[in-house]
């Protein structure tokens, strides 16, 4: 491959902006004569992407949020497809946000079937709705997967796919000095409370978390609680935790959040990728989550796996306790946390294995993703290393 390389990138969420920025940095390191256009947030823009329109217009979730923006989003889909075709890039790279990104890819493929399309973040077809892979294969040529067992699902559907590592393995961790400063010499247990990042999650889980904390305080009167959160929900968090038996230290800045994750003895967390952040910090955890009974019933009917926790899936263990739906009760959760406080090593091996399988100790995920993109455009000499583990999650 020689000459100027033009790529059109689309990200629709802050997490995609982070992935996109790391990918762009990796591409510039491997192929300096590369140029970017597309849609992205501040991190991608800092790497040299002029965004067609503000990425925040795409950061909507749920039917109630999407319906009022349906026609503006349809217009943005057409605009993004038209801009891609006008730029005539070597590839269209869509990053997560499949509801928007894959619709753009569909229009682009219809107009120019030969244009290469690459999607970053494989859909979790191993967990539910396996038909999504075949549907995606109609408009996507190549996939960059975050989890080591995902490539076989993508290749079976007709796409090429590389495991490129999960970004959690490259995120900075607190130093021992920062960790010690956060603990401030305290010997009483430090609990990390993580009731989610969305307002609905926080409102639903806060009462249960508060009751759990009350039960733990009865056993550990000096219990300390830290609650890292996002600025967008910090006000709600302060409101719903005001009646907790232990007032949490509400943390909004990234540096203090890292210190809290490293210093905590145990965590009570909502289901999600936060389990990987906890594993990166070797913090043992209990997962709790609740939702509308109808939503829970539908999800359980469609589920292909017996656990929602990525640490359990990647490590092929079930050492992280989960309390989902009707089991999301303080009388069940508190004993599990008490057991972890008594034996915090119970999850150590699984957390360490998870990090290794996600790429810890290897090449940075952004650089690995860049190699995969170049390999998809020209198979030689850019060859990505095989993933350390390609077995699907048990129960799939």
Protein backbone atom coordinates (compact mmCIF):
# COMPACT_ATOMS: atom_id res chain seq x y z
CA UNK A 1 0.00 0.00 0.00
CA UNK A 2 1.39 3.38 -0.98
CA UNK A 3 0.16 6.93 -1.36
CA UNK A 4 -2.41 8.88 0.59
CA UNK A 5 -4.86 6.73 2.58
CA UNK A 6 -8.29 8.29 3.19
CA UNK A 7 -10.66 6.83 5.78
CA UNK A 8 -14.17 7.87 6.79
CA UNK A 9 -14.92 7.16 10.47
CA UNK A 10 -18.21 7.31 12.35
CA UNK A 11 -18.62 7.20 16.14
CA UNK A 12 -21.84 8.02 17.99
CA UNK A 13 -21.03 7.65 21.69
CA UNK A 14 -18.24 8.76 24.05
CA UNK A 15 -17.01 5.15 24.28
CA UNK A 16 -16.79 5.01 20.49
CA UNK A 17 -14.97 8.35 20.47
CA UNK A 18 -12.31 6.81 22.76
CA UNK A 19 -11.98 3.74 20.54
CA UNK A 20 -11.82 5.88 17.43
CA UNK A 21 -9.15 8.18 18.82
CA UNK A 22 -6.93 5.25 19.80
CA UNK A 23 -7.45 3.68 16.37
CA UNK A 24 -6.54 6.94 14.63
CA UNK A 25 -3.37 7.28 16.71
CA UNK A 26 -2.43 3.71 15.83
CA UNK A 27 -3.05 4.30 12.12
CA UNK A 28 -0.93 7.45 12.12
CA UNK A 29 1.89 5.52 13.78
CA UNK A 30 1.77 2.70 11.22
CA UNK A 31 0.84 4.72 8.13
CA UNK A 32 1.72 8.41 8.54
CA UNK A 33 0.20 9.42 5.19
CA UNK A 34 -3.37 8.84 6.39
CA UNK A 35 -6.25 11.31 6.43
CA UNK A 36 -9.56 11.18 8.24
CA UNK A 37 -13.04 12.55 7.70
CA UNK A 38 -16.32 11.57 9.32
CA UNK A 39 -18.19 12.01 12.57
CA UNK A 40 -16.60 11.89 16.01
CA UNK A 41 -16.27 13.51 19.39
CA UNK A 42 -13.56 15.68 20.97
CA UNK A 43 -10.98 12.88 21.24
CA UNK A 44 -11.24 11.93 17.58
CA UNK A 45 -11.23 15.59 16.59
CA UNK A 46 -8.02 16.05 18.59
CA UNK A 47 -6.47 13.27 16.47
CA UNK A 48 -7.33 15.15 13.29
CA UNK A 49 -10.95 14.30 12.41
CA UNK A 50 -13.10 17.23 11.18
CA UNK A 51 -16.57 16.12 12.33
CA UNK A 52 -19.38 16.45 9.80
CA UNK A 53 -21.74 17.40 12.66
CA UNK A 54 -21.67 17.11 16.46
CA UNK A 55 -21.44 13.48 17.56
CA UNK A 56 -23.75 14.25 20.49
CA UNK A 57 -26.70 14.32 18.08
CA UNK A 58 -26.35 10.54 17.79
CA UNK A 59 -26.03 9.77 21.52
CA UNK A 60 -29.63 8.73 22.14
CA UNK A 61 -30.90 5.45 23.56
CA UNK A 62 -34.29 3.87 23.96
CA UNK A 63 -37.54 4.22 22.01
CA UNK A 64 -38.79 7.16 24.07
CA UNK A 65 -35.58 9.10 23.37
CA UNK A 66 -35.27 8.13 19.70
CA UNK A 67 -38.85 8.78 18.54
CA UNK A 68 -38.70 12.61 18.85
CA UNK A 69 -35.40 12.59 16.92
CA UNK A 70 -36.40 10.00 14.31
CA UNK A 71 -36.57 12.34 11.31
CA UNK A 72 -33.43 14.35 12.24
CA UNK A 73 -31.53 11.06 12.64
CA UNK A 74 -32.81 9.81 9.28
CA UNK A 75 -31.52 13.03 7.71
CA UNK A 76 -28.13 12.61 9.43
CA UNK A 77 -27.91 9.01 8.13
CA UNK A 78 -28.40 10.27 4.56
CA UNK A 79 -25.91 13.10 5.09
CA UNK A 80 -23.27 10.73 6.48
CA UNK A 81 -23.71 8.30 3.58
CA UNK A 82 -23.53 11.10 1.02
CA UNK A 83 -20.38 12.51 2.64
CA UNK A 84 -18.75 9.07 2.61
CA UNK A 85 -19.46 8.59 -1.08
CA UNK A 86 -18.29 12.12 -1.90
CA UNK A 87 -14.99 11.59 -0.05
CA UNK A 88 -14.37 8.26 -1.81
CA UNK A 89 -12.32 6.81 1.08
CA UNK A 90 -10.43 3.52 1.07
CA UNK A 91 -12.86 2.33 3.76
CA UNK A 92 -15.81 3.36 5.87
CA UNK A 93 -15.08 2.53 9.53
CA UNK A 94 -18.11 2.54 11.82
CA UNK A 95 -17.53 2.37 15.58
CA UNK A 96 -20.24 0.79 17.74
CA UNK A 97 -23.61 2.69 17.61
CA UNK A 98 -24.99 0.05 15.20
CA UNK A 99 -28.48 1.56 14.90
CA UNK A 100 -26.97 4.59 13.17
CA UNK A 101 -23.71 3.27 11.75
CA UNK A 102 -25.05 0.19 10.00
CA UNK A 103 -27.79 2.19 8.32
CA UNK A 104 -25.12 4.46 6.89
CA UNK A 105 -23.14 1.41 5.75
CA UNK A 106 -26.26 0.01 4.07
CA UNK A 107 -26.71 3.15 1.96
CA UNK A 108 -23.00 3.27 1.11
CA UNK A 109 -22.88 -0.38 0.07
CA UNK A 110 -26.00 0.01 -2.06
CA UNK A 111 -24.43 2.90 -3.96
CA UNK A 112 -20.87 1.53 -4.09
CA UNK A 113 -20.67 -2.23 -3.36
CA UNK A 114 -16.88 -2.30 -3.73
CA UNK A 115 -16.15 0.22 -0.96
CA UNK A 116 -14.68 -1.59 2.05
CA UNK A 117 -16.71 -1.37 5.27
CA UNK A 118 -15.24 -2.08 8.71
CA UNK A 119 -17.14 -2.16 12.00
CA UNK A 120 -15.41 -1.74 15.39
CA UNK A 121 -17.11 -3.61 18.29
CA UNK A 122 -18.77 -6.89 17.36
CA UNK A 123 -22.43 -7.28 18.31
CA UNK A 124 -22.94 -9.59 21.29
CA UNK A 125 -24.58 -12.32 19.20
CA UNK A 126 -23.15 -14.90 21.61
CA UNK A 127 -25.51 -13.49 24.26
CA UNK A 128 -28.73 -12.88 22.33
CA UNK A 129 -30.20 -12.32 18.84
CA UNK A 130 -27.59 -14.34 16.90
CA UNK A 131 -29.27 -13.34 13.64
CA UNK A 132 -27.72 -9.88 13.95
CA UNK A 133 -24.41 -11.20 12.60
CA UNK A 134 -25.90 -12.39 9.31
CA UNK A 135 -27.80 -9.12 8.95
CA UNK A 136 -24.63 -7.11 9.58
CA UNK A 137 -22.68 -9.20 7.05
CA UNK A 138 -24.85 -7.77 4.26
CA UNK A 139 -23.22 -4.35 4.72
CA UNK A 140 -19.96 -4.99 6.65
CA UNK A 141 -16.82 -6.69 5.29
CA UNK A 142 -14.56 -6.76 8.35
CA UNK A 143 -15.06 -6.57 12.12
CA UNK A 144 -12.76 -5.50 14.98
CA UNK A 145 -13.77 -7.50 18.06
CA UNK A 146 -13.16 -6.52 21.69
CA UNK A 147 -13.64 -10.01 23.15
CA UNK A 148 -11.46 -13.02 22.29
CA UNK A 149 -14.30 -15.46 21.61
CA UNK A 150 -16.16 -13.25 19.12
CA UNK A 151 -14.30 -13.80 15.78
CA UNK A 152 -15.78 -17.26 15.06
CA UNK A 153 -19.30 -15.82 15.27
CA UNK A 154 -18.44 -13.10 12.77
CA UNK A 155 -16.59 -15.34 10.32
CA UNK A 156 -19.43 -17.87 10.42
CA UNK A 157 -21.73 -15.09 9.22
CA UNK A 158 -19.42 -14.27 6.30
CA UNK A 159 -17.27 -11.39 7.58
CA UNK A 160 -13.55 -11.38 8.33
CA UNK A 161 -12.81 -10.53 11.97
CA UNK A 162 -9.85 -9.92 14.27
CA UNK A 163 -9.76 -9.81 18.05
CA UNK A 164 -7.92 -6.54 18.72
CA UNK A 165 -8.04 -6.36 22.51
CA UNK A 166 -10.31 -4.52 24.89
CA UNK A 167 -9.51 -0.85 25.65
CA UNK A 168 -9.76 -1.50 29.39
CA UNK A 169 -6.30 -3.10 29.32
CA UNK A 170 -4.75 0.18 28.17
CA UNK A 171 -6.54 2.50 30.56
CA UNK A 172 -4.31 4.15 33.20
CA UNK A 173 -4.42 2.83 36.77
CA UNK A 174 -3.80 4.71 39.98
CA UNK A 175 -0.28 4.61 41.36
CA UNK A 176 0.40 3.02 44.77
CA UNK A 177 0.89 6.53 46.15
CA UNK A 178 -2.50 7.71 44.83
CA UNK A 179 -4.15 4.57 46.14
CA UNK A 180 -2.66 4.98 49.61
CA UNK A 181 -3.67 8.65 49.67
CA UNK A 182 -7.27 7.74 48.92
CA UNK A 183 -7.38 5.17 51.73
CA UNK A 184 -5.78 7.72 54.04
CA UNK A 185 -4.64 5.08 56.49
CA UNK A 186 -8.16 3.72 57.09
CA UNK A 187 -8.41 0.07 58.13
CA UNK A 188 -12.20 -0.26 57.92
CA UNK A 189 -13.70 -1.74 54.72
CA UNK A 190 -14.02 0.52 51.69
CA UNK A 191 -16.99 -0.32 49.46
CA UNK A 192 -17.26 0.93 45.89
CA UNK A 193 -20.92 1.51 45.01
CA UNK A 194 -21.62 1.64 41.26
CA UNK A 195 -25.38 1.89 40.58
CA UNK A 196 -25.01 2.61 36.87
CA UNK A 197 -24.49 5.55 34.53
CA UNK A 198 -28.06 6.08 33.33
CA UNK A 199 -30.71 7.88 35.32
CA UNK A 200 -33.15 4.97 35.22
CA UNK A 201 -30.53 2.56 36.53
CA UNK A 202 -29.51 4.86 39.35
CA UNK A 203 -33.09 5.52 40.45
CA UNK A 204 -33.99 1.83 40.39
CA UNK A 205 -30.89 0.46 42.11
CA UNK A 206 -30.19 3.17 44.72
CA UNK A 207 -32.78 1.96 47.28
CA UNK A 208 -31.49 -1.61 47.13
CA UNK A 209 -27.87 -0.49 47.35
CA UNK A 210 -28.73 1.69 50.34
CA UNK A 211 -30.32 -1.24 52.17
CA UNK A 212 -27.29 -3.42 51.42
CA UNK A 213 -25.02 -0.73 52.86
CA UNK A 214 -27.15 -0.62 56.00
CA UNK A 215 -26.69 -4.36 56.50
CA UNK A 216 -22.93 -4.08 55.96
CA UNK A 217 -22.68 -1.15 58.38
CA UNK A 218 -24.26 -3.29 61.09
CA UNK A 219 -21.30 -5.67 60.71
CA UNK A 220 -18.66 -2.99 60.00
CA UNK A 221 -19.59 0.26 61.80
CA UNK A 222 -16.66 2.10 60.21
CA UNK A 223 -17.71 1.17 56.66
CA UNK A 224 -16.70 3.76 54.05
CA UNK A 225 -18.51 4.07 50.71
CA UNK A 226 -17.17 5.66 47.52
CA UNK A 227 -19.44 6.27 44.52
CA UNK A 228 -17.78 7.28 41.24
CA UNK A 229 -20.32 8.72 38.81
CA UNK A 230 -20.74 10.90 35.74
CA UNK A 231 -21.51 14.61 35.83
CA UNK A 232 -24.75 14.04 33.95
CA UNK A 233 -26.24 11.96 36.78
CA UNK A 234 -24.31 13.35 39.77
CA UNK A 235 -27.23 15.50 40.90
CA UNK A 236 -29.59 12.53 40.88
CA UNK A 237 -27.01 10.41 42.70
CA UNK A 238 -26.78 12.98 45.51
CA UNK A 239 -30.55 13.06 45.76
CA UNK A 240 -31.17 9.30 45.88
CA UNK A 241 -28.27 8.56 48.25
CA UNK A 242 -29.18 11.24 50.81
CA UNK A 243 -31.00 8.68 52.95
CA UNK A 244 -28.30 5.98 52.78
CA UNK A 245 -27.06 4.87 56.23
CA UNK A 246 -23.51 5.72 55.11
CA UNK A 247 -23.12 8.88 53.05
CA UNK A 248 -21.02 7.99 49.98
CA UNK A 249 -18.11 10.03 48.73
CA UNK A 250 -19.44 11.02 45.31
CA UNK A 251 -16.60 11.21 42.80
CA UNK A 252 -16.76 12.88 39.41
CA UNK A 253 -13.14 13.44 38.31
CA UNK A 254 -11.19 10.72 36.53
CA UNK A 255 -8.06 10.73 38.70
CA UNK A 256 -9.95 10.29 41.97
CA UNK A 257 -12.12 7.62 40.34
CA UNK A 258 -8.98 5.63 39.43
CA UNK A 259 -7.75 5.92 43.02
CA UNK A 260 -11.10 4.74 44.38
CA UNK A 261 -11.16 1.70 42.09
CA UNK A 262 -7.65 0.76 43.17
CA UNK A 263 -8.24 1.38 46.88
CA UNK A 264 -11.61 -0.37 47.33
CA UNK A 265 -11.84 -3.67 49.16
CA UNK A 266 -14.98 -4.77 47.33
CA UNK A 267 -17.53 -3.37 44.86
CA UNK A 268 -21.29 -3.55 44.43
CA UNK A 269 -21.96 -2.76 40.79
CA UNK A 270 -24.69 -2.64 38.20
CA UNK A 271 -24.30 -5.03 35.30
CA UNK A 272 -22.13 -3.74 32.47
CA UNK A 273 -18.56 -3.22 31.30
CA UNK A 274 -17.71 -1.77 34.72
CA UNK A 275 -16.94 -5.36 35.74
CA UNK A 276 -13.90 -5.17 33.46
CA UNK A 277 -12.74 -1.90 35.06
CA UNK A 278 -13.00 -3.59 38.44
CA UNK A 279 -11.07 -6.62 37.19
CA UNK A 280 -8.34 -4.33 35.84
CA UNK A 281 -7.97 -3.00 39.39
CA UNK A 282 -8.22 -6.48 40.97
CA UNK A 283 -11.26 -5.32 42.95
CA UNK A 284 -13.61 -8.22 43.84
CA UNK A 285 -17.23 -7.53 42.98
CA UNK A 286 -20.88 -8.45 43.31
CA UNK A 287 -23.18 -7.60 40.39
CA UNK A 288 -26.78 -6.49 40.96
CA UNK A 289 -29.32 -5.30 38.42
CA UNK A 290 -33.06 -4.83 38.15
CA UNK A 291 -35.38 -3.91 35.31
CA UNK A 292 -39.02 -3.96 34.33
CA UNK A 293 -40.42 -7.52 34.74
CA UNK A 294 -41.53 -7.67 31.09
CA UNK A 295 -38.07 -6.59 29.89
CA UNK A 296 -36.46 -9.18 32.14
CA UNK A 297 -38.80 -11.92 30.87
CA UNK A 298 -38.06 -11.07 27.24
CA UNK A 299 -34.30 -10.97 27.82
CA UNK A 300 -34.28 -14.31 29.64
CA UNK A 301 -36.27 -15.92 26.84
CA UNK A 302 -33.78 -14.64 24.26
CA UNK A 303 -30.59 -15.20 26.28
CA UNK A 304 -28.04 -17.75 25.07
CA UNK A 305 -25.82 -17.54 28.16
CA UNK A 306 -26.26 -18.13 31.88
CA UNK A 307 -24.35 -15.07 33.16
CA UNK A 308 -24.35 -11.35 32.31
CA UNK A 309 -20.93 -10.59 33.78
CA UNK A 310 -18.04 -10.28 31.33
CA UNK A 311 -15.49 -11.42 33.90
CA UNK A 312 -17.40 -14.70 34.26
CA UNK A 313 -17.65 -15.09 30.47
CA UNK A 314 -14.08 -14.25 29.53
CA UNK A 315 -12.52 -16.25 32.38
CA UNK A 316 -14.94 -19.17 31.80
CA UNK A 317 -15.81 -19.21 35.49
CA UNK A 318 -18.82 -18.15 37.51
CA UNK A 319 -16.98 -16.67 40.48
CA UNK A 320 -18.67 -13.24 40.33
CA UNK A 321 -22.05 -13.47 42.09
CA UNK A 322 -25.02 -11.96 40.23
CA UNK A 323 -28.36 -10.84 41.60
CA UNK A 324 -30.62 -10.00 38.67
CA UNK A 325 -34.32 -9.06 38.61
CA UNK A 326 -36.22 -10.67 41.51
CA UNK A 327 -32.90 -11.70 43.08
CA UNK A 328 -31.79 -8.06 43.32
CA UNK A 329 -32.55 -7.92 47.05
CA UNK A 330 -30.49 -6.70 49.96
CA UNK A 331 -30.99 -9.91 51.98
CA UNK A 332 -29.29 -11.85 49.16
CA UNK A 333 -26.66 -9.33 48.10
CA UNK A 334 -25.29 -8.40 51.55
CA UNK A 335 -24.16 -11.96 52.47
CA UNK A 336 -22.28 -12.24 49.16
CA UNK A 337 -20.41 -8.99 49.89
CA UNK A 338 -19.70 -10.13 53.44
CA UNK A 339 -18.17 -13.35 52.09
CA UNK A 340 -15.98 -11.37 49.68
CA UNK A 341 -14.77 -9.11 52.46
CA UNK A 342 -13.80 -12.22 54.43
CA UNK A 343 -12.02 -13.77 51.44
CA UNK A 344 -11.18 -11.12 48.84
CA UNK A 345 -8.96 -13.59 46.95
CA UNK A 346 -11.92 -15.63 45.72
CA UNK A 347 -11.99 -13.79 42.37
CA UNK A 348 -8.31 -12.92 41.99
CA UNK A 349 -7.39 -15.63 39.51
CA UNK A 350 -10.45 -15.05 37.30
CA UNK A 351 -9.87 -11.29 37.18
CA UNK A 352 -6.21 -11.73 36.23
CA UNK A 353 -7.10 -14.29 33.54
CA UNK A 354 -9.74 -11.94 32.15
CA UNK A 355 -7.21 -9.17 31.70
CA UNK A 356 -4.71 -11.47 29.99
CA UNK A 357 -7.37 -12.77 27.62
CA UNK A 358 -8.43 -9.22 26.79
CA UNK A 359 -4.89 -8.35 25.73
CA UNK A 360 -3.05 -7.13 28.83
CA UNK A 361 0.70 -7.27 28.37
CA UNK A 362 0.44 -7.19 24.59
CA UNK A 363 0.28 -4.47 21.98
CA UNK A 364 -2.10 -1.61 22.79
CA UNK A 365 -5.62 -2.24 21.44
CA UNK A 366 -5.61 0.95 19.35
CA UNK A 367 -2.41 -0.08 17.57
CA UNK A 368 -3.66 -3.64 17.16
CA UNK A 369 -6.92 -2.34 15.70
CA UNK A 370 -4.92 -0.19 13.28
CA UNK A 371 -2.99 -3.25 12.10
CA UNK A 372 -6.27 -5.06 11.56
CA UNK A 373 -7.67 -2.19 9.48
CA UNK A 374 -4.57 -2.15 7.28
CA UNK A 375 -4.72 -5.92 6.98
CA UNK A 376 -8.32 -5.67 5.80
CA UNK A 377 -7.24 -3.23 3.09
CA UNK A 378 -4.12 -5.14 2.09
CA UNK A 379 -3.60 -8.61 3.64
CA UNK A 380 0.21 -8.41 3.54
CA UNK A 381 2.43 -7.53 5.33
CA UNK A 382 0.13 -6.32 8.10
CA UNK A 383 -0.77 -9.52 9.95
CA UNK A 384 -2.44 -9.41 13.32
CA UNK A 385 -1.51 -12.02 15.90
CA UNK A 386 -4.09 -14.75 16.64
CA UNK A 387 -6.26 -14.15 19.70
CA UNK A 388 -5.19 -15.91 22.93
CA UNK A 389 -8.58 -17.60 23.30
CA UNK A 390 -11.25 -18.15 20.68
CA UNK A 391 -13.57 -20.46 22.57
CA UNK A 392 -17.12 -19.18 22.84
CA UNK A 393 -18.51 -18.50 26.31
CA UNK A 394 -19.89 -21.60 27.98
CA UNK A 395 -23.63 -21.68 27.80
CA UNK A 396 -23.63 -20.06 24.36
